[in-house]
Amino acid sequence: MMEYDPTRPKWVQIADVIRERIATGEYPPRHRISEMQMEEEFGVARITVRKATAALRDEGLITTAHGMGSFVTDRGATDASR
């Protein structure tokens, strides 16, 4: 489990980790971002995960399809690496 900086919201720190994984190619375009896996990996509630994914969606790094989940966008993969 991740060690959190108590001066920053957990969702911001989780978004930073996912953003870095997209930038390095660990999460390539069309890679599925699972909220359930994030809950388990980071030891946080679903609402915290949803705040992180909302931030990444606002940045254009991921897209969410109702009933299918969230996926890294083609644009996200190139934008995050800049």
PDB file of N, CA and C in Angstrom:
ATOM      1  N   MET A   1       0.843  -1.186   0.000  1.00  0.00           N
ATOM      2  CA  MET A   1       0.000   0.000   0.000  1.00  0.00           C
ATOM      3  C   MET A   1       0.886   1.247   0.000  1.00  0.00           C
ATOM      4  N   MET A   2       0.369   2.284  -0.599  1.00  0.00           N
ATOM      5  CA  MET A   2       1.086   3.539  -0.760  1.00  0.00           C
ATOM      6  C   MET A   2       1.159   4.308   0.565  1.00  0.00           C
ATOM      7  N   GLU A   3       2.285   4.962   0.774  1.00  0.00           N
ATOM      8  CA  GLU A   3       2.402   5.839   1.925  1.00  0.00           C
ATOM      9  C   GLU A   3       2.017   7.247   1.478  1.00  0.00           C
ATOM     10  N   TYR A   4       1.029   7.813   2.131  1.00  0.00           N
ATOM     11  CA  TYR A   4       0.477   9.092   1.700  1.00  0.00           C
ATOM     12  C   TYR A   4       1.120  10.272   2.414  1.00  0.00           C
ATOM     13  N   ASP A   5       1.226  11.364   1.687  1.00  0.00           N
ATOM     14  CA  ASP A   5       1.653  12.648   2.238  1.00  0.00           C
ATOM     15  C   ASP A   5       0.426  13.253   2.917  1.00  0.00           C
ATOM     16  N   PRO A   6       0.475  13.464   4.238  1.00  0.00           N
ATOM     17  CA  PRO A   6      -0.714  13.966   4.939  1.00  0.00           C
ATOM     18  C   PRO A   6      -1.091  15.405   4.588  1.00  0.00           C
ATOM     19  N   THR A   7      -0.227  16.099   3.840  1.00  0.00           N
ATOM     20  CA  THR A   7      -0.518  17.491   3.480  1.00  0.00           C
ATOM     21  C   THR A   7      -1.241  17.627   2.146  1.00  0.00           C
ATOM     22  N   ARG A   8      -1.442  16.483   1.447  1.00  0.00           N
ATOM     23  CA  ARG A   8      -2.107  16.511   0.140  1.00  0.00           C
ATOM     24  C   ARG A   8      -3.242  15.499   0.125  1.00  0.00           C
ATOM     25  N   PRO A   9      -4.369  15.823  -0.533  1.00  0.00           N
ATOM     26  CA  PRO A   9      -5.472  14.861  -0.607  1.00  0.00           C
ATOM     27  C   PRO A   9      -5.025  13.551  -1.248  1.00  0.00           C
ATOM     28  N   LYS A  10      -5.547  12.444  -0.736  1.00  0.00           N
ATOM     29  CA  LYS A  10      -5.169  11.131  -1.273  1.00  0.00           C
ATOM     30  C   LYS A  10      -5.508  11.023  -2.749  1.00  0.00           C
ATOM     31  N   TRP A  11      -6.664  11.555  -3.164  1.00  0.00           N
ATOM     32  CA  TRP A  11      -7.055  11.413  -4.573  1.00  0.00           C
ATOM     33  C   TRP A  11      -6.061  12.109  -5.504  1.00  0.00           C
ATOM     34  N   VAL A  12      -5.467  13.211  -5.046  1.00  0.00           N
ATOM     35  CA  VAL A  12      -4.467  13.927  -5.852  1.00  0.00           C
ATOM     36  C   VAL A  12      -3.221  13.054  -6.008  1.00  0.00           C
ATOM     37  N   GLN A  13      -2.820  12.422  -4.916  1.00  0.00           N
ATOM     38  CA  GLN A  13      -1.629  11.566  -4.961  1.00  0.00           C
ATOM     39  C   GLN A  13      -1.853  10.328  -5.826  1.00  0.00           C
ATOM     40  N   ILE A  14      -3.063   9.776  -5.771  1.00  0.00           N
ATOM     41  CA  ILE A  14      -3.388   8.624  -6.616  1.00  0.00           C
ATOM     42  C   ILE A  14      -3.402   9.035  -8.086  1.00  0.00           C
ATOM     43  N   ALA A  15      -3.981  10.189  -8.382  1.00  0.00           N
ATOM     44  CA  ALA A  15      -3.988  10.689  -9.764  1.00  0.00           C
ATOM     45  C   ALA A  15      -2.559  10.883 -10.263  1.00  0.00           C
ATOM     46  N   ASP A  16      -1.668  11.356  -9.389  1.00  0.00           N
ATOM     47  CA  ASP A  16      -0.259  11.528  -9.768  1.00  0.00           C
ATOM     48  C   ASP A  16       0.373  10.194 -10.162  1.00  0.00           C
ATOM     49  N   VAL A  17       0.082   9.148  -9.400  1.00  0.00           N
ATOM     50  CA  VAL A  17       0.631   7.817  -9.683  1.00  0.00           C
ATOM     51  C   VAL A  17       0.115   7.306 -11.029  1.00  0.00           C
ATOM     52  N   ILE A  18      -1.180   7.421 -11.259  1.00  0.00           N
ATOM     53  CA  ILE A  18      -1.766   6.942 -12.518  1.00  0.00           C
ATOM     54  C   ILE A  18      -1.237   7.766 -13.687  1.00  0.00           C
ATOM     55  N   ARG A  19      -1.137   9.075 -13.508  1.00  0.00           N
ATOM     56  CA  ARG A  19      -0.593   9.958 -14.546  1.00  0.00           C
ATOM     57  C   ARG A  19       0.826   9.522 -14.916  1.00  0.00           C
ATOM     58  N   GLU A  20       1.635   9.200 -13.919  1.00  0.00           N
ATOM     59  CA  GLU A  20       3.009   8.749 -14.157  1.00  0.00           C
ATOM     60  C   GLU A  20       3.028   7.417 -14.908  1.00  0.00           C
ATOM     61  N   ARG A  21       2.129   6.517 -14.548  1.00  0.00           N
ATOM     62  CA  ARG A  21       2.057   5.220 -15.232  1.00  0.00           C
ATOM     63  C   ARG A  21       1.648   5.393 -16.687  1.00  0.00           C
ATOM     64  N   ILE A  22       0.794   6.352 -16.960  1.00  0.00           N
ATOM     65  CA  ILE A  22       0.415   6.641 -18.342  1.00  0.00           C
ATOM     66  C   ILE A  22       1.612   7.229 -19.087  1.00  0.00           C
ATOM     67  N   ALA A  23       2.307   8.166 -18.441  1.00  0.00           N
ATOM     68  CA  ALA A  23       3.446   8.848 -19.075  1.00  0.00           C
ATOM     69  C   ALA A  23       4.570   7.877 -19.430  1.00  0.00           C
ATOM     70  N   THR A  24       4.817   6.889 -18.570  1.00  0.00           N
ATOM     71  CA  THR A  24       5.912   5.949 -18.811  1.00  0.00           C
ATOM     72  C   THR A  24       5.531   4.819 -19.757  1.00  0.00           C
ATOM     73  N   GLY A  25       4.233   4.725 -20.087  1.00  0.00           N
ATOM     74  CA  GLY A  25       3.788   3.656 -20.971  1.00  0.00           C
ATOM     75  C   GLY A  25       3.406   2.388 -20.228  1.00  0.00           C
ATOM     76  N   GLU A  26       3.535   2.394 -18.897  1.00  0.00           N
ATOM     77  CA  GLU A  26       3.093   1.238 -18.117  1.00  0.00           C
ATOM     78  C   GLU A  26       1.597   0.996 -18.377  1.00  0.00           C
ATOM     79  N   TYR A  27       0.848   2.102 -18.533  1.00  0.00           N
ATOM     80  CA  TYR A  27      -0.562   2.045 -18.927  1.00  0.00           C
ATOM     81  C   TYR A  27      -0.655   2.630 -20.332  1.00  0.00           C
ATOM     82  N   PRO A  28      -0.589   1.793 -21.372  1.00  0.00           N
ATOM     83  CA  PRO A  28      -0.624   2.284 -22.756  1.00  0.00           C
ATOM     84  C   PRO A  28      -2.036   2.709 -23.178  1.00  0.00           C
ATOM     85  N   PRO A  29      -2.171   3.312 -24.354  1.00  0.00           N
ATOM     86  CA  PRO A  29      -3.496   3.679 -24.856  1.00  0.00           C
ATOM     87  C   PRO A  29      -4.443   2.481 -24.825  1.00  0.00           C
ATOM     88  N   ARG A  30      -5.692   2.754 -24.442  1.00  0.00           N
ATOM     89  CA  ARG A  30      -6.768   1.766 -24.351  1.00  0.00           C
ATOM     90  C   ARG A  30      -6.620   0.809 -23.171  1.00  0.00           C
ATOM     91  N   HIS A  31      -5.623   1.042 -22.304  1.00  0.00           N
ATOM     92  CA  HIS A  31      -5.480   0.233 -21.084  1.00  0.00           C
ATOM     93  C   HIS A  31      -6.651   0.537 -20.165  1.00  0.00           C
ATOM     94  N   ARG A  32      -7.290  -0.491 -19.612  1.00  0.00           N
ATOM     95  CA  ARG A  32      -8.442  -0.308 -18.725  1.00  0.00           C
ATOM     96  C   ARG A  32      -7.970   0.063 -17.327  1.00  0.00           C
ATOM     97  N   ILE A  33      -8.537   1.124 -16.798  1.00  0.00           N
ATOM     98  CA  ILE A  33      -8.255   1.586 -15.439  1.00  0.00           C
ATOM     99  C   ILE A  33      -9.401   1.073 -14.557  1.00  0.00           C
ATOM    100  N   SER A  34      -9.118   0.114 -13.706  1.00  0.00           N
ATOM    101  CA  SER A  34     -10.153  -0.506 -12.878  1.00  0.00           C
ATOM    102  C   SER A  34     -10.269   0.200 -11.530  1.00  0.00           C
ATOM    103  N   GLU A  35     -11.456   0.735 -11.247  1.00  0.00           N
ATOM    104  CA  GLU A  35     -11.681   1.385  -9.954  1.00  0.00           C
ATOM    105  C   GLU A  35     -11.521   0.379  -8.816  1.00  0.00           C
ATOM    106  N   MET A  36     -11.990  -0.838  -9.026  1.00  0.00           N
ATOM    107  CA  MET A  36     -11.897  -1.854  -7.982  1.00  0.00           C
ATOM    108  C   MET A  36     -10.429  -2.175  -7.666  1.00  0.00           C
ATOM    109  N   GLN A  37      -9.616  -2.316  -8.700  1.00  0.00           N
ATOM    110  CA  GLN A  37      -8.195  -2.597  -8.491  1.00  0.00           C
ATOM    111  C   GLN A  37      -7.508  -1.424  -7.802  1.00  0.00           C
ATOM    112  N   MET A  38      -7.900  -0.201  -8.168  1.00  0.00           N
ATOM    113  CA  MET A  38      -7.312   0.980  -7.530  1.00  0.00           C
ATOM    114  C   MET A  38      -7.685   1.038  -6.053  1.00  0.00           C
ATOM    115  N   GLU A  39      -8.931   0.717  -5.734  1.00  0.00           N
ATOM    116  CA  GLU A  39      -9.364   0.675  -4.326  1.00  0.00           C
ATOM    117  C   GLU A  39      -8.466  -0.267  -3.527  1.00  0.00           C
ATOM    118  N   GLU A  40      -8.244  -1.452  -4.082  1.00  0.00           N
ATOM    119  CA  GLU A  40      -7.428  -2.459  -3.403  1.00  0.00           C
ATOM    120  C   GLU A  40      -5.969  -2.027  -3.317  1.00  0.00           C
ATOM    121  N   GLU A  41      -5.407  -1.570  -4.436  1.00  0.00           N
ATOM    122  CA  GLU A  41      -3.990  -1.200  -4.464  1.00  0.00           C
ATOM    123  C   GLU A  41      -3.673  -0.041  -3.527  1.00  0.00           C
ATOM    124  N   PHE A  42      -4.540   0.970  -3.526  1.00  0.00           N
ATOM    125  CA  PHE A  42      -4.252   2.176  -2.751  1.00  0.00           C
ATOM    126  C   PHE A  42      -4.913   2.186  -1.377  1.00  0.00           C
ATOM    127  N   GLY A  43      -5.769   1.205  -1.105  1.00  0.00           N
ATOM    128  CA  GLY A  43      -6.407   1.100   0.201  1.00  0.00           C
ATOM    129  C   GLY A  43      -7.315   2.270   0.532  1.00  0.00           C
ATOM    130  N   VAL A  44      -8.097   2.687  -0.463  1.00  0.00           N
ATOM    131  CA  VAL A  44      -8.992   3.834  -0.276  1.00  0.00           C
ATOM    132  C   VAL A  44     -10.415   3.473  -0.678  1.00  0.00           C
ATOM    133  N   ALA A  45     -11.351   4.349  -0.350  1.00  0.00           N
ATOM    134  CA  ALA A  45     -12.762   4.162  -0.696  1.00  0.00           C
ATOM    135  C   ALA A  45     -13.003   4.491  -2.168  1.00  0.00           C
ATOM    136  N   ARG A  46     -14.104   3.979  -2.697  1.00  0.00           N
ATOM    137  CA  ARG A  46     -14.454   4.204  -4.101  1.00  0.00           C
ATOM    138  C   ARG A  46     -14.562   5.687  -4.423  1.00  0.00           C
ATOM    139  N   ILE A  47     -15.102   6.496  -3.514  1.00  0.00           N
ATOM    140  CA  ILE A  47     -15.250   7.934  -3.767  1.00  0.00           C
ATOM    141  C   ILE A  47     -13.890   8.604  -4.001  1.00  0.00           C
ATOM    142  N   THR A  48     -12.876   8.143  -3.300  1.00  0.00           N
ATOM    143  CA  THR A  48     -11.522   8.692  -3.471  1.00  0.00           C
ATOM    144  C   THR A  48     -10.990   8.339  -4.852  1.00  0.00           C
ATOM    145  N   VAL A  49     -11.204   7.093  -5.259  1.00  0.00           N
ATOM    146  CA  VAL A  49     -10.793   6.643  -6.600  1.00  0.00           C
ATOM    147  C   VAL A  49     -11.532   7.452  -7.667  1.00  0.00           C
ATOM    148  N   ARG A  50     -12.810   7.684  -7.444  1.00  0.00           N
ATOM    149  CA  ARG A  50     -13.602   8.421  -8.440  1.00  0.00           C
ATOM    150  C   ARG A  50     -13.143   9.867  -8.577  1.00  0.00           C
ATOM    151  N   LYS A  51     -12.701  10.474  -7.496  1.00  0.00           N
ATOM    152  CA  LYS A  51     -12.159  11.838  -7.583  1.00  0.00           C
ATOM    153  C   LYS A  51     -10.881  11.838  -8.419  1.00  0.00           C
ATOM    154  N   ALA A  52     -10.047  10.826  -8.227  1.00  0.00           N
ATOM    155  CA  ALA A  52      -8.795  10.726  -8.994  1.00  0.00           C
ATOM    156  C   ALA A  52      -9.090  10.517 -10.474  1.00  0.00           C
ATOM    157  N   THR A  53     -10.024   9.605 -10.788  1.00  0.00           N
ATOM    158  CA  THR A  53     -10.330   9.355 -12.199  1.00  0.00           C
ATOM    159  C   THR A  53     -11.019  10.565 -12.836  1.00  0.00           C
ATOM    160  N   ALA A  54     -11.820  11.292 -12.064  1.00  0.00           N
ATOM    161  CA  ALA A  54     -12.462  12.505 -12.606  1.00  0.00           C
ATOM    162  C   ALA A  54     -11.404  13.533 -12.997  1.00  0.00           C
ATOM    163  N   ALA A  55     -10.384  13.679 -12.170  1.00  0.00           N
ATOM    164  CA  ALA A  55      -9.304  14.637 -12.475  1.00  0.00           C
ATOM    165  C   ALA A  55      -8.574  14.220 -13.752  1.00  0.00           C
ATOM    166  N   LEU A  56      -8.278  12.944 -13.877  1.00  0.00           N
ATOM    167  CA  LEU A  56      -7.579  12.445 -15.068  1.00  0.00           C
ATOM    168  C   LEU A  56      -8.454  12.581 -16.313  1.00  0.00           C
ATOM    169  N   ARG A  57      -9.751  12.385 -16.145  1.00  0.00           N
ATOM    170  CA  ARG A  57     -10.692  12.550 -17.262  1.00  0.00           C
ATOM    171  C   ARG A  57     -10.729  14.019 -17.686  1.00  0.00           C
ATOM    172  N   ASP A  58     -10.766  14.934 -16.708  1.00  0.00           N
ATOM    173  CA  ASP A  58     -10.763  16.373 -17.007  1.00  0.00           C
ATOM    174  C   ASP A  58      -9.502  16.787 -17.771  1.00  0.00           C
ATOM    175  N   GLU A  59      -8.402  16.099 -17.512  1.00  0.00           N
ATOM    176  CA  GLU A  59      -7.135  16.390 -18.205  1.00  0.00           C
ATOM    177  C   GLU A  59      -7.061  15.733 -19.583  1.00  0.00           C
ATOM    178  N   GLY A  60      -8.034  14.882 -19.897  1.00  0.00           N
ATOM    179  CA  GLY A  60      -8.035  14.202 -21.189  1.00  0.00           C
ATOM    180  C   GLY A  60      -7.142  12.977 -21.239  1.00  0.00           C
ATOM    181  N   LEU A  61      -6.670  12.504 -20.069  1.00  0.00           N
ATOM    182  CA  LEU A  61      -5.776  11.349 -20.046  1.00  0.00           C
ATOM    183  C   LEU A  61      -6.532  10.027 -20.102  1.00  0.00           C
ATOM    184  N   ILE A  62      -7.777  10.039 -19.589  1.00  0.00           N
ATOM    185  CA  ILE A  62      -8.604   8.839 -19.650  1.00  0.00           C
ATOM    186  C   ILE A  62     -10.006   9.226 -20.116  1.00  0.00           C
ATOM    187  N   THR A  63     -10.729   8.227 -20.562  1.00  0.00           N
ATOM    188  CA  THR A  63     -12.132   8.405 -20.925  1.00  0.00           C
ATOM    189  C   THR A  63     -12.921   7.301 -20.233  1.00  0.00           C
ATOM    190  N   THR A  64     -14.164   7.577 -19.924  1.00  0.00           N
ATOM    191  CA  THR A  64     -14.996   6.588 -19.244  1.00  0.00           C
ATOM    192  C   THR A  64     -16.227   6.290 -20.087  1.00  0.00           C
ATOM    193  N   ALA A  65     -16.467   5.005 -20.316  1.00  0.00           N
ATOM    194  CA  ALA A  65     -17.644   4.553 -21.052  1.00  0.00           C
ATOM    195  C   ALA A  65     -18.571   3.870 -20.056  1.00  0.00           C
ATOM    196  N   HIS A  66     -19.791   4.362 -19.944  1.00  0.00           N
ATOM    197  CA  HIS A  66     -20.751   3.817 -18.987  1.00  0.00           C
ATOM    198  C   HIS A  66     -20.899   2.307 -19.166  1.00  0.00           C
ATOM    199  N   GLY A  67     -20.743   1.591 -18.085  1.00  0.00           N
ATOM    200  CA  GLY A  67     -20.880   0.141 -18.118  1.00  0.00           C
ATOM    201  C   GLY A  67     -19.649  -0.603 -18.591  1.00  0.00           C
ATOM    202  N   MET A  68     -18.635   0.134 -19.034  1.00  0.00           N
ATOM    203  CA  MET A  68     -17.427  -0.515 -19.541  1.00  0.00           C
ATOM    204  C   MET A  68     -16.196  -0.192 -18.707  1.00  0.00           C
ATOM    205  N   GLY A  69     -16.144   0.992 -18.129  1.00  0.00           N
ATOM    206  CA  GLY A  69     -14.993   1.385 -17.329  1.00  0.00           C
ATOM    207  C   GLY A  69     -14.252   2.558 -17.920  1.00  0.00           C
ATOM    208  N   SER A  70     -13.078   2.808 -17.364  1.00  0.00           N
ATOM    209  CA  SER A  70     -12.227   3.918 -17.810  1.00  0.00           C
ATOM    210  C   SER A  70     -11.019   3.371 -18.549  1.00  0.00           C
ATOM    211  N   PHE A  71     -10.609   4.102 -19.584  1.00  0.00           N
ATOM    212  CA  PHE A  71      -9.502   3.662 -20.431  1.00  0.00           C
ATOM    213  C   PHE A  71      -8.574   4.829 -20.729  1.00  0.00           C
ATOM    214  N   VAL A  72      -7.284   4.524 -20.864  1.00  0.00           N
ATOM    215  CA  VAL A  72      -6.305   5.541 -21.256  1.00  0.00           C
ATOM    216  C   VAL A  72      -6.612   5.964 -22.685  1.00  0.00           C
ATOM    217  N   THR A  73      -6.638   7.261 -22.917  1.00  0.00           N
ATOM    218  CA  THR A  73      -6.894   7.765 -24.264  1.00  0.00           C
ATOM    219  C   THR A  73      -5.597   7.759 -25.077  1.00  0.00           C
ATOM    220  N   ASP A  74      -5.728   7.772 -26.396  1.00  0.00           N
ATOM    221  CA  ASP A  74      -4.540   7.884 -27.249  1.00  0.00           C
ATOM    222  C   ASP A  74      -3.840   9.205 -26.950  1.00  0.00           C
ATOM    223  N   ARG A  75      -4.612  10.255 -26.783  1.00  0.00           N
ATOM    224  CA  ARG A  75      -4.064  11.582 -26.491  1.00  0.00           C
ATOM    225  C   ARG A  75      -3.410  11.589 -25.113  1.00  0.00           C
ATOM    226  N   GLY A  76      -4.034  10.897 -24.152  1.00  0.00           N
ATOM    227  CA  GLY A  76      -3.505  10.856 -22.798  1.00  0.00           C
ATOM    228  C   GLY A  76      -2.103  10.285 -22.752  1.00  0.00           C
ATOM    229  N   ALA A  77      -1.878   9.265 -23.529  1.00  0.00           N
ATOM    230  CA  ALA A  77      -0.570   8.619 -23.538  1.00  0.00           C
ATOM    231  C   ALA A  77       0.515   9.569 -24.028  1.00  0.00           C
ATOM    232  N   THR A  78       0.184  10.424 -25.000  1.00  0.00           N
ATOM    233  CA  THR A  78       1.206  11.348 -25.502  1.00  0.00           C
ATOM    234  C   THR A  78       1.287  12.597 -24.638  1.00  0.00           C
ATOM    235  N   ASP A  79       0.153  13.107 -24.125  1.00  0.00           N
ATOM    236  CA  ASP A  79       0.168  14.300 -23.287  1.00  0.00           C
ATOM    237  C   ASP A  79       0.873  14.080 -21.969  1.00  0.00           C
ATOM    238  N   ALA A  80       0.666  12.923 -21.347  1.00  0.00           N
ATOM    239  CA  ALA A  80       1.243  12.666 -20.032  1.00  0.00           C
ATOM    240  C   ALA A  80       2.755  12.554 -20.091  1.00  0.00           C
ATOM    241  N   SER A  81       3.286  12.195 -21.247  1.00  0.00           N
ATOM    242  CA  SER A  81       4.731  12.009 -21.358  1.00  0.00           C
ATOM    243  C   SER A  81       5.494  13.293 -21.633  1.00  0.00           C
ATOM    244  N   ARG A  82       4.771  14.394 -21.812  1.00  0.00           N
ATOM    245  CA  ARG A  82       5.435  15.675 -22.094  1.00  0.00           C
ATOM    246  C   ARG A  82       5.990  16.302 -20.863  1.00  0.00           C
TER     247      ARG A  82
END
